[in-house]
PDB file of N, CA and C in Angstrom:
ATOM      1  N   MET A   1       3.298 -36.128 -17.274  1.00  0.00           N
ATOM      2  CA  MET A   1       3.786 -34.785 -17.441  1.00  0.00           C
ATOM      3  C   MET A   1       2.918 -34.069 -18.453  1.00  0.00           C
ATOM      4  N   VAL A   2       1.796 -33.561 -17.977  1.00  0.00           N
ATOM      5  CA  VAL A   2       0.821 -32.904 -18.830  1.00  0.00           C
ATOM      6  C   VAL A   2       0.696 -31.445 -18.389  1.00  0.00           C
ATOM      7  N   GLU A   3       0.693 -30.569 -19.366  1.00  0.00           N
ATOM      8  CA  GLU A   3       0.488 -29.165 -19.048  1.00  0.00           C
ATOM      9  C   GLU A   3      -0.763 -28.702 -19.761  1.00  0.00           C
ATOM     10  N   GLY A   4      -1.754 -28.295 -18.971  1.00  0.00           N
ATOM     11  CA  GLY A   4      -3.030 -27.848 -19.527  1.00  0.00           C
ATOM     12  C   GLY A   4      -3.297 -26.404 -19.200  1.00  0.00           C
ATOM     13  N   ARG A   5      -4.576 -26.023 -19.330  1.00  0.00           N
ATOM     14  CA  ARG A   5      -4.979 -24.643 -19.043  1.00  0.00           C
ATOM     15  C   ARG A   5      -4.668 -24.214 -17.623  1.00  0.00           C
ATOM     16  N   GLU A   6      -4.697 -25.131 -16.684  1.00  0.00           N
ATOM     17  CA  GLU A   6      -4.464 -24.803 -15.288  1.00  0.00           C
ATOM     18  C   GLU A   6      -2.988 -24.659 -14.981  1.00  0.00           C
ATOM     19  N   GLY A   7      -2.094 -24.932 -15.909  1.00  0.00           N
ATOM     20  CA  GLY A   7      -0.671 -24.796 -15.668  1.00  0.00           C
ATOM     21  C   GLY A   7      -0.102 -25.944 -14.854  1.00  0.00           C
ATOM     22  N   ILE A   8      -0.654 -27.168 -15.004  1.00  0.00           N
ATOM     23  CA  ILE A   8      -0.169 -28.318 -14.258  1.00  0.00           C
ATOM     24  C   ILE A   8       1.022 -28.903 -14.994  1.00  0.00           C
ATOM     25  N   HIS A   9       2.095 -29.117 -14.284  1.00  0.00           N
ATOM     26  CA  HIS A   9       3.328 -29.643 -14.868  1.00  0.00           C
ATOM     27  C   HIS A   9       3.950 -30.599 -13.858  1.00  0.00           C
ATOM     28  N   MET A  10       4.161 -31.823 -14.247  1.00  0.00           N
ATOM     29  CA  MET A  10       4.736 -32.856 -13.394  1.00  0.00           C
ATOM     30  C   MET A  10       3.983 -32.977 -12.072  1.00  0.00           C
ATOM     31  N   GLY A  11       2.671 -32.866 -12.141  1.00  0.00           N
ATOM     32  CA  GLY A  11       1.843 -33.074 -10.960  1.00  0.00           C
ATOM     33  C   GLY A  11       1.777 -31.877 -10.013  1.00  0.00           C
ATOM     34  N   MET A  12       2.395 -30.758 -10.352  1.00  0.00           N
ATOM     35  CA  MET A  12       2.362 -29.585  -9.477  1.00  0.00           C
ATOM     36  C   MET A  12       1.683 -28.436 -10.196  1.00  0.00           C
ATOM     37  N   ARG A  13       0.953 -27.623  -9.448  1.00  0.00           N
ATOM     38  CA  ARG A  13       0.280 -26.458 -10.030  1.00  0.00           C
ATOM     39  C   ARG A  13       1.225 -25.281 -10.064  1.00  0.00           C
ATOM     40  N   LYS A  14       1.247 -24.572 -11.156  1.00  0.00           N
ATOM     41  CA  LYS A  14       1.991 -23.325 -11.265  1.00  0.00           C
ATOM     42  C   LYS A  14       1.035 -22.196 -10.932  1.00  0.00           C
ATOM     43  N   GLN A  15       1.513 -21.219 -10.191  1.00  0.00           N
ATOM     44  CA  GLN A  15       0.686 -20.064  -9.890  1.00  0.00           C
ATOM     45  C   GLN A  15       0.914 -19.012 -10.960  1.00  0.00           C
ATOM     46  N   ILE A  16      -0.168 -18.488 -11.478  1.00  0.00           N
ATOM     47  CA  ILE A  16      -0.114 -17.465 -12.510  1.00  0.00           C
ATOM     48  C   ILE A  16      -0.280 -16.114 -11.843  1.00  0.00           C
ATOM     49  N   GLU A  17       0.665 -15.222 -12.052  1.00  0.00           N
ATOM     50  CA  GLU A  17       0.599 -13.872 -11.499  1.00  0.00           C
ATOM     51  C   GLU A  17      -0.348 -13.043 -12.348  1.00  0.00           C
ATOM     52  N   ARG A  18      -1.400 -12.507 -11.728  1.00  0.00           N
ATOM     53  CA  ARG A  18      -2.405 -11.732 -12.451  1.00  0.00           C
ATOM     54  C   ARG A  18      -2.247 -10.231 -12.244  1.00  0.00           C
ATOM     55  N   ARG A  19      -1.391  -9.824 -11.350  1.00  0.00           N
ATOM     56  CA  ARG A  19      -1.232  -8.404 -11.075  1.00  0.00           C
ATOM     57  C   ARG A  19      -0.544  -7.708 -12.240  1.00  0.00           C
ATOM     58  N   ALA A  20      -0.954  -6.467 -12.464  1.00  0.00           N
ATOM     59  CA  ALA A  20      -0.393  -5.681 -13.557  1.00  0.00           C
ATOM     60  C   ALA A  20       1.000  -5.155 -13.215  1.00  0.00           C
ATOM     61  N   ARG A  21       1.282  -4.926 -11.946  1.00  0.00           N
ATOM     62  CA  ARG A  21       2.558  -4.365 -11.507  1.00  0.00           C
ATOM     63  C   ARG A  21       3.253  -5.341 -10.560  1.00  0.00           C
ATOM     64  N   ARG A  22       4.568  -5.348 -10.592  1.00  0.00           N
ATOM     65  CA  ARG A  22       5.342  -6.215  -9.719  1.00  0.00           C
ATOM     66  C   ARG A  22       5.230  -5.730  -8.277  1.00  0.00           C
ATOM     67  N   ARG A  23       4.991  -6.639  -7.351  1.00  0.00           N
ATOM     68  CA  ARG A  23       4.873  -6.306  -5.934  1.00  0.00           C
ATOM     69  C   ARG A  23       6.211  -6.579  -5.253  1.00  0.00           C
ATOM     70  N   PHE A  24       6.532  -5.716  -4.287  1.00  0.00           N
ATOM     71  CA  PHE A  24       7.757  -5.851  -3.519  1.00  0.00           C
ATOM     72  C   PHE A  24       7.398  -6.047  -2.055  1.00  0.00           C
ATOM     73  N   GLU A  25       7.948  -7.094  -1.445  1.00  0.00           N
ATOM     74  CA  GLU A  25       7.704  -7.349  -0.030  1.00  0.00           C
ATOM     75  C   GLU A  25       8.472  -6.324   0.783  1.00  0.00           C
ATOM     76  N   LEU A  26       7.771  -5.654   1.686  1.00  0.00           N
ATOM     77  CA  LEU A  26       8.364  -4.628   2.538  1.00  0.00           C
ATOM     78  C   LEU A  26       7.830  -4.783   3.948  1.00  0.00           C
ATOM     79  N   ALA A  27       8.600  -4.349   4.910  1.00  0.00           N
ATOM     80  CA  ALA A  27       8.141  -4.320   6.300  1.00  0.00           C
ATOM     81  C   ALA A  27       8.277  -2.880   6.778  1.00  0.00           C
ATOM     82  N   LEU A  28       7.350  -2.040   6.349  1.00  0.00           N
ATOM     83  CA  LEU A  28       7.374  -0.622   6.696  1.00  0.00           C
ATOM     84  C   LEU A  28       6.136  -0.284   7.507  1.00  0.00           C
ATOM     85  N   THR A  29       6.264   0.683   8.398  1.00  0.00           N
ATOM     86  CA  THR A  29       5.090   1.148   9.122  1.00  0.00           C
ATOM     87  C   THR A  29       4.276   2.053   8.205  1.00  0.00           C
ATOM     88  N   VAL A  30       2.991   2.114   8.445  1.00  0.00           N
ATOM     89  CA  VAL A  30       2.102   2.970   7.656  1.00  0.00           C
ATOM     90  C   VAL A  30       1.105   3.629   8.595  1.00  0.00           C
ATOM     91  N   GLN A  31       0.844   4.890   8.347  1.00  0.00           N
ATOM     92  CA  GLN A  31      -0.246   5.581   9.025  1.00  0.00           C
ATOM     93  C   GLN A  31      -1.305   5.832   7.972  1.00  0.00           C
ATOM     94  N   PHE A  32      -2.564   5.668   8.352  1.00  0.00           N
ATOM     95  CA  PHE A  32      -3.646   5.828   7.385  1.00  0.00           C
ATOM     96  C   PHE A  32      -4.856   6.429   8.056  1.00  0.00           C
ATOM     97  N   ARG A  33      -5.706   7.020   7.242  1.00  0.00           N
ATOM     98  CA  ARG A  33      -6.996   7.490   7.746  1.00  0.00           C
ATOM     99  C   ARG A  33      -8.016   7.412   6.629  1.00  0.00           C
ATOM    100  N   LEU A  34      -9.244   7.104   7.040  1.00  0.00           N
ATOM    101  CA  LEU A  34     -10.365   7.129   6.113  1.00  0.00           C
ATOM    102  C   LEU A  34     -10.682   8.585   5.855  1.00  0.00           C
ATOM    103  N   THR A  35     -10.871   8.959   4.632  1.00  0.00           N
ATOM    104  CA  THR A  35     -11.200  10.349   4.324  1.00  0.00           C
ATOM    105  C   THR A  35     -12.680  10.428   4.025  1.00  0.00           C
ATOM    106  N   ARG A  36     -13.399  10.975   4.988  1.00  0.00           N
ATOM    107  CA  ARG A  36     -14.852  11.129   4.866  1.00  0.00           C
ATOM    108  C   ARG A  36     -15.192  12.604   4.962  1.00  0.00           C
ATOM    109  N   LYS A  37     -16.081  13.068   4.115  1.00  0.00           N
ATOM    110  CA  LYS A  37     -16.470  14.477   4.102  1.00  0.00           C
ATOM    111  C   LYS A  37     -17.274  14.869   5.338  1.00  0.00           C
ATOM    112  N   GLU A  38     -18.058  13.950   5.858  1.00  0.00           N
ATOM    113  CA  GLU A  38     -18.970  14.306   6.942  1.00  0.00           C
ATOM    114  C   GLU A  38     -18.322  14.323   8.329  1.00  0.00           C
ATOM    115  N   SER A  39     -17.100  13.790   8.476  1.00  0.00           N
ATOM    116  CA  SER A  39     -16.475  13.774   9.798  1.00  0.00           C
ATOM    117  C   SER A  39     -14.954  13.810   9.689  1.00  0.00           C
ATOM    118  N   THR A  40     -14.325  14.153  10.795  1.00  0.00           N
ATOM    119  CA  THR A  40     -12.867  14.140  10.866  1.00  0.00           C
ATOM    120  C   THR A  40     -12.435  12.721  11.219  1.00  0.00           C
ATOM    121  N   ALA A  41     -11.612  12.153  10.390  1.00  0.00           N
ATOM    122  CA  ALA A  41     -11.184  10.771  10.606  1.00  0.00           C
ATOM    123  C   ALA A  41      -9.932  10.724  11.478  1.00  0.00           C
ATOM    124  N   ARG A  42      -9.823   9.688  12.278  1.00  0.00           N
ATOM    125  CA  ARG A  42      -8.643   9.461  13.094  1.00  0.00           C
ATOM    126  C   ARG A  42      -7.601   8.700  12.285  1.00  0.00           C
ATOM    127  N   TRP A  43      -6.348   8.925  12.645  1.00  0.00           N
ATOM    128  CA  TRP A  43      -5.262   8.180  12.012  1.00  0.00           C
ATOM    129  C   TRP A  43      -5.127   6.821  12.676  1.00  0.00           C
ATOM    130  N   GLY A  44      -4.901   5.793  11.873  1.00  0.00           N
ATOM    131  CA  GLY A  44      -4.625   4.455  12.356  1.00  0.00           C
ATOM    132  C   GLY A  44      -3.217   4.067  11.935  1.00  0.00           C
ATOM    133  N   ALA A  45      -2.754   2.940  12.421  1.00  0.00           N
ATOM    134  CA  ALA A  45      -1.404   2.484  12.081  1.00  0.00           C
ATOM    135  C   ALA A  45      -1.442   1.019  11.679  1.00  0.00           C
ATOM    136  N   GLY A  46      -0.465   0.638  10.892  1.00  0.00           N
ATOM    137  CA  GLY A  46      -0.353  -0.742  10.449  1.00  0.00           C
ATOM    138  C   GLY A  46       1.030  -0.997   9.894  1.00  0.00           C
ATOM    139  N   THR A  47       1.160  -2.128   9.198  1.00  0.00           N
ATOM    140  CA  THR A  47       2.425  -2.534   8.600  1.00  0.00           C
ATOM    141  C   THR A  47       2.187  -2.896   7.141  1.00  0.00           C
ATOM    142  N   VAL A  48       3.041  -2.381   6.266  1.00  0.00           N
ATOM    143  CA  VAL A  48       2.965  -2.737   4.852  1.00  0.00           C
ATOM    144  C   VAL A  48       3.495  -4.157   4.697  1.00  0.00           C
ATOM    145  N   HIS A  49       2.749  -5.000   4.010  1.00  0.00           N
ATOM    146  CA  HIS A  49       3.199  -6.365   3.709  1.00  0.00           C
ATOM    147  C   HIS A  49       3.906  -6.386   2.367  1.00  0.00           C
ATOM    148  N   ASP A  50       3.259  -5.825   1.361  1.00  0.00           N
ATOM    149  CA  ASP A  50       3.882  -5.679   0.049  1.00  0.00           C
ATOM    150  C   ASP A  50       3.218  -4.522  -0.677  1.00  0.00           C
ATOM    151  N   MET A  51       3.922  -4.020  -1.709  1.00  0.00           N
ATOM    152  CA  MET A  51       3.361  -2.906  -2.460  1.00  0.00           C
ATOM    153  C   MET A  51       3.944  -2.850  -3.856  1.00  0.00           C
ATOM    154  N   SER A  52       3.214  -2.147  -4.721  1.00  0.00           N
ATOM    155  CA  SER A  52       3.654  -1.857  -6.076  1.00  0.00           C
ATOM    156  C   SER A  52       3.294  -0.407  -6.352  1.00  0.00           C
ATOM    157  N   SER A  53       3.509   0.045  -7.571  1.00  0.00           N
ATOM    158  CA  SER A  53       3.146   1.418  -7.902  1.00  0.00           C
ATOM    159  C   SER A  53       1.637   1.606  -7.982  1.00  0.00           C
ATOM    160  N   SER A  54       0.881   0.516  -8.004  1.00  0.00           N
ATOM    161  CA  SER A  54      -0.572   0.640  -8.114  1.00  0.00           C
ATOM    162  C   SER A  54      -1.345   0.071  -6.927  1.00  0.00           C
ATOM    163  N   GLY A  55      -0.653  -0.471  -5.938  1.00  0.00           N
ATOM    164  CA  GLY A  55      -1.372  -1.039  -4.810  1.00  0.00           C
ATOM    165  C   GLY A  55      -0.516  -1.297  -3.593  1.00  0.00           C
ATOM    166  N   VAL A  56      -1.189  -1.376  -2.444  1.00  0.00           N
ATOM    167  CA  VAL A  56      -0.537  -1.660  -1.164  1.00  0.00           C
ATOM    168  C   VAL A  56      -1.340  -2.734  -0.453  1.00  0.00           C
ATOM    169  N   ASN A  57      -0.653  -3.703   0.113  1.00  0.00           N
ATOM    170  CA  ASN A  57      -1.266  -4.726   0.939  1.00  0.00           C
ATOM    171  C   ASN A  57      -0.752  -4.487   2.347  1.00  0.00           C
ATOM    172  N   LEU A  58      -1.661  -4.135   3.267  1.00  0.00           N
ATOM    173  CA  LEU A  58      -1.203  -3.811   4.605  1.00  0.00           C
ATOM    174  C   LEU A  58      -1.938  -4.617   5.655  1.00  0.00           C
ATOM    175  N   GLN A  59      -1.316  -4.687   6.809  1.00  0.00           N
ATOM    176  CA  GLN A  59      -1.908  -5.358   7.957  1.00  0.00           C
ATOM    177  C   GLN A  59      -2.229  -4.291   8.996  1.00  0.00           C
ATOM    178  N   CYS A  60      -3.456  -4.325   9.522  1.00  0.00           N
ATOM    179  CA  CYS A  60      -3.860  -3.394  10.574  1.00  0.00           C
ATOM    180  C   CYS A  60      -4.734  -4.152  11.578  1.00  0.00           C
ATOM    181  N   HIS A  61      -5.275  -3.446  12.552  1.00  0.00           N
ATOM    182  CA  HIS A  61      -5.983  -4.099  13.667  1.00  0.00           C
ATOM    183  C   HIS A  61      -7.344  -4.680  13.322  1.00  0.00           C
ATOM    184  N   GLY A  62      -7.866  -4.395  12.154  1.00  0.00           N
ATOM    185  CA  GLY A  62      -9.172  -4.928  11.802  1.00  0.00           C
ATOM    186  C   GLY A  62      -9.513  -4.577  10.372  1.00  0.00           C
ATOM    187  N   PRO A  63     -10.620  -5.088   9.884  1.00  0.00           N
ATOM    188  CA  PRO A  63     -10.995  -4.808   8.495  1.00  0.00           C
ATOM    189  C   PRO A  63     -11.401  -3.356   8.298  1.00  0.00           C
ATOM    190  N   LEU A  64     -11.154  -2.849   7.110  1.00  0.00           N
ATOM    191  CA  LEU A  64     -11.583  -1.507   6.719  1.00  0.00           C
ATOM    192  C   LEU A  64     -12.702  -1.647   5.698  1.00  0.00           C
ATOM    193  N   PRO A  65     -13.614  -0.689   5.631  1.00  0.00           N
ATOM    194  CA  PRO A  65     -14.749  -0.805   4.705  1.00  0.00           C
ATOM    195  C   PRO A  65     -14.305  -0.811   3.239  1.00  0.00           C
ATOM    196  N   VAL A  66     -14.715  -1.829   2.503  1.00  0.00           N
ATOM    197  CA  VAL A  66     -14.402  -1.926   1.075  1.00  0.00           C
ATOM    198  C   VAL A  66     -15.041  -0.744   0.353  1.00  0.00           C
ATOM    199  N   GLY A  67     -14.270  -0.111  -0.510  1.00  0.00           N
ATOM    200  CA  GLY A  67     -14.747   1.027  -1.270  1.00  0.00           C
ATOM    201  C   GLY A  67     -14.417   2.369  -0.641  1.00  0.00           C
ATOM    202  N   CYS A  68     -13.975   2.372   0.625  1.00  0.00           N
ATOM    203  CA  CYS A  68     -13.685   3.652   1.265  1.00  0.00           C
ATOM    204  C   CYS A  68     -12.366   4.236   0.744  1.00  0.00           C
ATOM    205  N   HIS A  69     -12.263   5.539   0.822  1.00  0.00           N
ATOM    206  CA  HIS A  69     -11.087   6.264   0.368  1.00  0.00           C
ATOM    207  C   HIS A  69     -10.131   6.422   1.550  1.00  0.00           C
ATOM    208  N   LEU A  70      -8.830   6.172   1.320  1.00  0.00           N
ATOM    209  CA  LEU A  70      -7.820   6.257   2.369  1.00  0.00           C
ATOM    210  C   LEU A  70      -6.717   7.222   1.985  1.00  0.00           C
ATOM    211  N   GLU A  71      -6.127   7.828   2.979  1.00  0.00           N
ATOM    212  CA  GLU A  71      -4.900   8.602   2.839  1.00  0.00           C
ATOM    213  C   GLU A  71      -3.825   7.832   3.593  1.00  0.00           C
ATOM    214  N   LEU A  72      -2.669   7.631   2.972  1.00  0.00           N
ATOM    215  CA  LEU A  72      -1.577   6.859   3.575  1.00  0.00           C
ATOM    216  C   LEU A  72      -0.323   7.709   3.690  1.00  0.00           C
ATOM    217  N   THR A  73       0.445   7.486   4.752  1.00  0.00           N
ATOM    218  CA  THR A  73       1.758   8.092   4.926  1.00  0.00           C
ATOM    219  C   THR A  73       2.708   6.978   5.356  1.00  0.00           C
ATOM    220  N   ILE A  74       3.785   6.781   4.572  1.00  0.00           N
ATOM    221  CA  ILE A  74       4.732   5.703   4.844  1.00  0.00           C
ATOM    222  C   ILE A  74       6.140   6.293   4.931  1.00  0.00           C
ATOM    223  N   PRO A  75       6.810   6.169   6.096  1.00  0.00           N
ATOM    224  CA  PRO A  75       8.203   6.604   6.177  1.00  0.00           C
ATOM    225  C   PRO A  75       9.049   5.742   5.235  1.00  0.00           C
ATOM    226  N   TRP A  76       9.767   6.378   4.321  1.00  0.00           N
ATOM    227  CA  TRP A  76      10.534   5.659   3.310  1.00  0.00           C
ATOM    228  C   TRP A  76      11.922   5.326   3.845  1.00  0.00           C
ATOM    229  N   PRO A  77      12.466   4.159   3.519  1.00  0.00           N
ATOM    230  CA  PRO A  77      13.776   3.757   4.054  1.00  0.00           C
ATOM    231  C   PRO A  77      14.939   4.462   3.336  1.00  0.00           C
ATOM    232  N   ALA A  78      14.884   5.780   3.301  1.00  0.00           N
ATOM    233  CA  ALA A  78      15.932   6.598   2.685  1.00  0.00           C
ATOM    234  C   ALA A  78      15.843   7.982   3.297  1.00  0.00           C
ATOM    235  N   ALA A  79      16.873   8.749   3.123  1.00  0.00           N
ATOM    236  CA  ALA A  79      16.868  10.129   3.600  1.00  0.00           C
ATOM    237  C   ALA A  79      17.566  10.988   2.564  1.00  0.00           C
ATOM    238  N   ARG A  80      17.226  12.244   2.573  1.00  0.00           N
ATOM    239  CA  ARG A  80      17.898  13.200   1.700  1.00  0.00           C
ATOM    240  C   ARG A  80      18.585  14.197   2.619  1.00  0.00           C
ATOM    241  N   GLY A  81      19.875  13.989   2.803  1.00  0.00           N
ATOM    242  CA  GLY A  81      20.604  14.780   3.781  1.00  0.00           C
ATOM    243  C   GLY A  81      20.086  14.441   5.161  1.00  0.00           C
ATOM    244  N   PRO A  82      19.820  15.462   5.976  1.00  0.00           N
ATOM    245  CA  PRO A  82      19.325  15.206   7.330  1.00  0.00           C
ATOM    246  C   PRO A  82      17.811  14.992   7.399  1.00  0.00           C
ATOM    247  N   TYR A  83      17.132  15.068   6.263  1.00  0.00           N
ATOM    248  CA  TYR A  83      15.674  15.025   6.257  1.00  0.00           C
ATOM    249  C   TYR A  83      15.148  13.645   5.864  1.00  0.00           C
ATOM    250  N   PRO A  84      14.181  13.130   6.625  1.00  0.00           N
ATOM    251  CA  PRO A  84      13.564  11.854   6.248  1.00  0.00           C
ATOM    252  C   PRO A  84      12.657  12.019   5.025  1.00  0.00           C
ATOM    253  N   VAL A  85      12.456  10.927   4.337  1.00  0.00           N
ATOM    254  CA  VAL A  85      11.599  10.901   3.148  1.00  0.00           C
ATOM    255  C   VAL A  85      10.342  10.114   3.493  1.00  0.00           C
ATOM    256  N   ARG A  86       9.194  10.594   3.008  1.00  0.00           N
ATOM    257  CA  ARG A  86       7.916   9.903   3.223  1.00  0.00           C
ATOM    258  C   ARG A  86       7.198   9.721   1.895  1.00  0.00           C
ATOM    259  N   LEU A  87       6.517   8.591   1.792  1.00  0.00           N
ATOM    260  CA  LEU A  87       5.631   8.339   0.667  1.00  0.00           C
ATOM    261  C   LEU A  87       4.232   8.704   1.132  1.00  0.00           C
ATOM    262  N   ARG A  88       3.576   9.569   0.401  1.00  0.00           N
ATOM    263  CA  ARG A  88       2.177   9.911   0.666  1.00  0.00           C
ATOM    264  C   ARG A  88       1.362   9.360  -0.491  1.00  0.00           C
ATOM    265  N   ALA A  89       0.222   8.770  -0.180  1.00  0.00           N
ATOM    266  CA  ALA A  89      -0.608   8.168  -1.218  1.00  0.00           C
ATOM    267  C   ALA A  89      -2.075   8.226  -0.817  1.00  0.00           C
ATOM    268  N   THR A  90      -2.935   8.145  -1.814  1.00  0.00           N
ATOM    269  CA  THR A  90      -4.363   7.991  -1.589  1.00  0.00           C
ATOM    270  C   THR A  90      -4.835   6.826  -2.434  1.00  0.00           C
ATOM    271  N   GLY A  91      -5.955   6.242  -2.041  1.00  0.00           N
ATOM    272  CA  GLY A  91      -6.495   5.124  -2.792  1.00  0.00           C
ATOM    273  C   GLY A  91      -7.780   4.614  -2.182  1.00  0.00           C
ATOM    274  N   PHE A  92      -8.246   3.491  -2.720  1.00  0.00           N
ATOM    275  CA  PHE A  92      -9.496   2.879  -2.293  1.00  0.00           C
ATOM    276  C   PHE A  92      -9.258   1.459  -1.815  1.00  0.00           C
ATOM    277  N   VAL A  93      -9.975   1.071  -0.768  1.00  0.00           N
ATOM    278  CA  VAL A  93      -9.909  -0.301  -0.265  1.00  0.00           C
ATOM    279  C   VAL A  93     -10.637  -1.203  -1.251  1.00  0.00           C
ATOM    280  N   VAL A  94      -9.942  -2.229  -1.759  1.00  0.00           N
ATOM    281  CA  VAL A  94     -10.557  -3.158  -2.700  1.00  0.00           C
ATOM    282  C   VAL A  94     -10.880  -4.513  -2.057  1.00  0.00           C
ATOM    283  N   ARG A  95     -10.145  -4.872  -1.002  1.00  0.00           N
ATOM    284  CA  ARG A  95     -10.410  -6.105  -0.242  1.00  0.00           C
ATOM    285  C   ARG A  95      -9.969  -5.859   1.191  1.00  0.00           C
ATOM    286  N   SER A  96     -10.679  -6.468   2.138  1.00  0.00           N
ATOM    287  CA  SER A  96     -10.274  -6.326   3.529  1.00  0.00           C
ATOM    288  C   SER A  96     -10.760  -7.514   4.339  1.00  0.00           C
ATOM    289  N   SER A  97      -9.874  -8.044   5.172  1.00  0.00           N
ATOM    290  CA  SER A  97     -10.234  -9.132   6.080  1.00  0.00           C
ATOM    291  C   SER A  97      -9.780  -8.720   7.480  1.00  0.00           C
ATOM    292  N   ALA A  98      -9.865  -9.622   8.418  1.00  0.00           N
ATOM    293  CA  ALA A  98      -9.461  -9.320   9.791  1.00  0.00           C
ATOM    294  C   ALA A  98      -7.969  -9.035   9.888  1.00  0.00           C
ATOM    295  N   THR A  99      -7.177  -9.543   8.944  1.00  0.00           N
ATOM    296  CA  THR A  99      -5.724  -9.388   9.046  1.00  0.00           C
ATOM    297  C   THR A  99      -5.087  -8.579   7.919  1.00  0.00           C
ATOM    298  N   ARG A 100      -5.700  -8.500   6.762  1.00  0.00           N
ATOM    299  CA  ARG A 100      -5.082  -7.814   5.621  1.00  0.00           C
ATOM    300  C   ARG A 100      -6.068  -6.915   4.904  1.00  0.00           C
ATOM    301  N   THR A 101      -5.538  -5.804   4.375  1.00  0.00           N
ATOM    302  CA  THR A 101      -6.325  -4.885   3.570  1.00  0.00           C
ATOM    303  C   THR A 101      -5.560  -4.559   2.302  1.00  0.00           C
ATOM    304  N   ALA A 102      -6.216  -4.660   1.159  1.00  0.00           N
ATOM    305  CA  ALA A 102      -5.615  -4.336  -0.136  1.00  0.00           C
ATOM    306  C   ALA A 102      -6.161  -3.000  -0.612  1.00  0.00           C
ATOM    307  N   ILE A 103      -5.250  -2.115  -1.000  1.00  0.00           N
ATOM    308  CA  ILE A 103      -5.617  -0.766  -1.418  1.00  0.00           C
ATOM    309  C   ILE A 103      -5.120  -0.516  -2.831  1.00  0.00           C
ATOM    310  N   GLN A 104      -6.001  -0.017  -3.677  1.00  0.00           N
ATOM    311  CA  GLN A 104      -5.616   0.400  -5.025  1.00  0.00           C
ATOM    312  C   GLN A 104      -5.201   1.862  -4.943  1.00  0.00           C
ATOM    313  N   ILE A 105      -3.956   2.156  -5.306  1.00  0.00           N
ATOM    314  CA  ILE A 105      -3.437   3.516  -5.220  1.00  0.00           C
ATOM    315  C   ILE A 105      -3.924   4.333  -6.406  1.00  0.00           C
ATOM    316  N   THR A 106      -4.431   5.544  -6.119  1.00  0.00           N
ATOM    317  CA  THR A 106      -4.887   6.445  -7.177  1.00  0.00           C
ATOM    318  C   THR A 106      -3.972   7.655  -7.331  1.00  0.00           C
ATOM    319  N   TRP A 107      -3.161   7.950  -6.297  1.00  0.00           N
ATOM    320  CA  TRP A 107      -2.240   9.084  -6.329  1.00  0.00           C
ATOM    321  C   TRP A 107      -1.113   8.815  -5.341  1.00  0.00           C
ATOM    322  N   HIS A 108       0.124   9.197  -5.699  1.00  0.00           N
ATOM    323  CA  HIS A 108       1.233   9.051  -4.762  1.00  0.00           C
ATOM    324  C   HIS A 108       2.335  10.069  -5.041  1.00  0.00           C
ATOM    325  N   ARG A 109       3.038  10.445  -3.979  1.00  0.00           N
ATOM    326  CA  ARG A 109       4.171  11.355  -4.074  1.00  0.00           C
ATOM    327  C   ARG A 109       5.196  10.972  -3.010  1.00  0.00           C
ATOM    328  N   LEU A 110       6.456  11.072  -3.377  1.00  0.00           N
ATOM    329  CA  LEU A 110       7.552  10.857  -2.458  1.00  0.00           C
ATOM    330  C   LEU A 110       8.102  12.225  -2.122  1.00  0.00           C
ATOM    331  N   GLY A 111       8.206  12.558  -0.839  1.00  0.00           N
ATOM    332  CA  GLY A 111       8.621  13.905  -0.460  1.00  0.00           C
ATOM    333  C   GLY A 111       9.537  13.926   0.736  1.00  0.00           C
ATOM    334  N   ILE A 112      10.197  15.035   0.904  1.00  0.00           N
ATOM    335  CA  ILE A 112      11.116  15.261   2.009  1.00  0.00           C
ATOM    336  C   ILE A 112      10.363  15.944   3.136  1.00  0.00           C
ATOM    337  N   GLU A 113      10.561  15.461   4.347  1.00  0.00           N
ATOM    338  CA  GLU A 113       9.898  16.042   5.502  1.00  0.00           C
ATOM    339  C   GLU A 113      10.856  17.004   6.203  1.00  0.00           C
ATOM    340  N   GLN A 114      10.439  18.250   6.334  1.00  0.00           N
ATOM    341  CA  GLN A 114      11.253  19.265   7.007  1.00  0.00           C
ATOM    342  C   GLN A 114      10.440  19.907   8.117  1.00  0.00           C
ATOM    343  N   LYS A 115      10.900  19.810   9.345  1.00  0.00           N
ATOM    344  CA  LYS A 115      10.281  20.457  10.498  1.00  0.00           C
ATOM    345  C   LYS A 115       8.782  20.154  10.615  1.00  0.00           C
ATOM    346  N   GLY A 116       8.393  18.884  10.426  1.00  0.00           N
ATOM    347  CA  GLY A 116       6.998  18.494  10.584  1.00  0.00           C
ATOM    348  C   GLY A 116       6.116  18.768   9.385  1.00  0.00           C
ATOM    349  N   VAL A 117       6.637  19.442   8.363  1.00  0.00           N
ATOM    350  CA  VAL A 117       5.867  19.724   7.155  1.00  0.00           C
ATOM    351  C   VAL A 117       6.392  18.824   6.053  1.00  0.00           C
ATOM    352  N   ILE A 118       5.502  18.253   5.276  1.00  0.00           N
ATOM    353  CA  ILE A 118       5.923  17.369   4.192  1.00  0.00           C
ATOM    354  C   ILE A 118       5.703  18.078   2.864  1.00  0.00           C
ATOM    355  N   PRO A 119       6.704  18.824   2.374  1.00  0.00           N
ATOM    356  CA  PRO A 119       6.542  19.426   1.056  1.00  0.00           C
ATOM    357  C   PRO A 119       6.630  18.333  -0.007  1.00  0.00           C
ATOM    358  N   ILE A 120       5.759  18.383  -0.967  1.00  0.00           N
ATOM    359  CA  ILE A 120       5.723  17.366  -2.011  1.00  0.00           C
ATOM    360  C   ILE A 120       6.743  17.718  -3.088  1.00  0.00           C
ATOM    361  N   SER A 121       7.557  16.737  -3.409  1.00  0.00           N
ATOM    362  CA  SER A 121       8.513  16.934  -4.501  1.00  0.00           C
ATOM    363  C   SER A 121       8.033  16.140  -5.709  1.00  0.00           C
ATOM    364  N   ALA A 122       8.626  16.374  -6.824  1.00  0.00           N
ATOM    365  CA  ALA A 122       8.236  15.684  -8.059  1.00  0.00           C
ATOM    366  C   ALA A 122       9.091  14.464  -8.298  1.00  0.00           C
ATOM    367  N   ILE A 123       9.472  13.753  -7.229  1.00  0.00           N
ATOM    368  CA  ILE A 123      10.327  12.575  -7.358  1.00  0.00           C
ATOM    369  C   ILE A 123       9.541  11.386  -7.881  1.00  0.00           C
ATOM    370  N   ALA A 124       8.292  11.221  -7.451  1.00  0.00           N
ATOM    371  CA  ALA A 124       7.481  10.067  -7.826  1.00  0.00           C
ATOM    372  C   ALA A 124       7.233  10.138  -9.263  1.00  0.00           C
TER     373      ALA A 124
END
């Protein structure tokens, strides 16, 4: 029963959480697009695996370019009266594989969607 720098205790390794913010496992749909100045980007779709106030881990159909800027829209599992709520965010791809993409969030707002328009509220 030795505990060293690696966090070994009774023969098992402990995993050390290195993230600055707590991540929450979610199964939400996400729409995203690469924001490029030289062209109009198409919207893609995926599923949020987990997220925090500073990052999103999502699954989509293929890898996204590391370093690219993304715009995200996530339908939030809440409503304000008859109006759905959406999380809008922007950020940069920090890691991407064939199945998962990690995004560092640089801006986010939670807003109420009315008649196809998403006015931004100061809820976030």
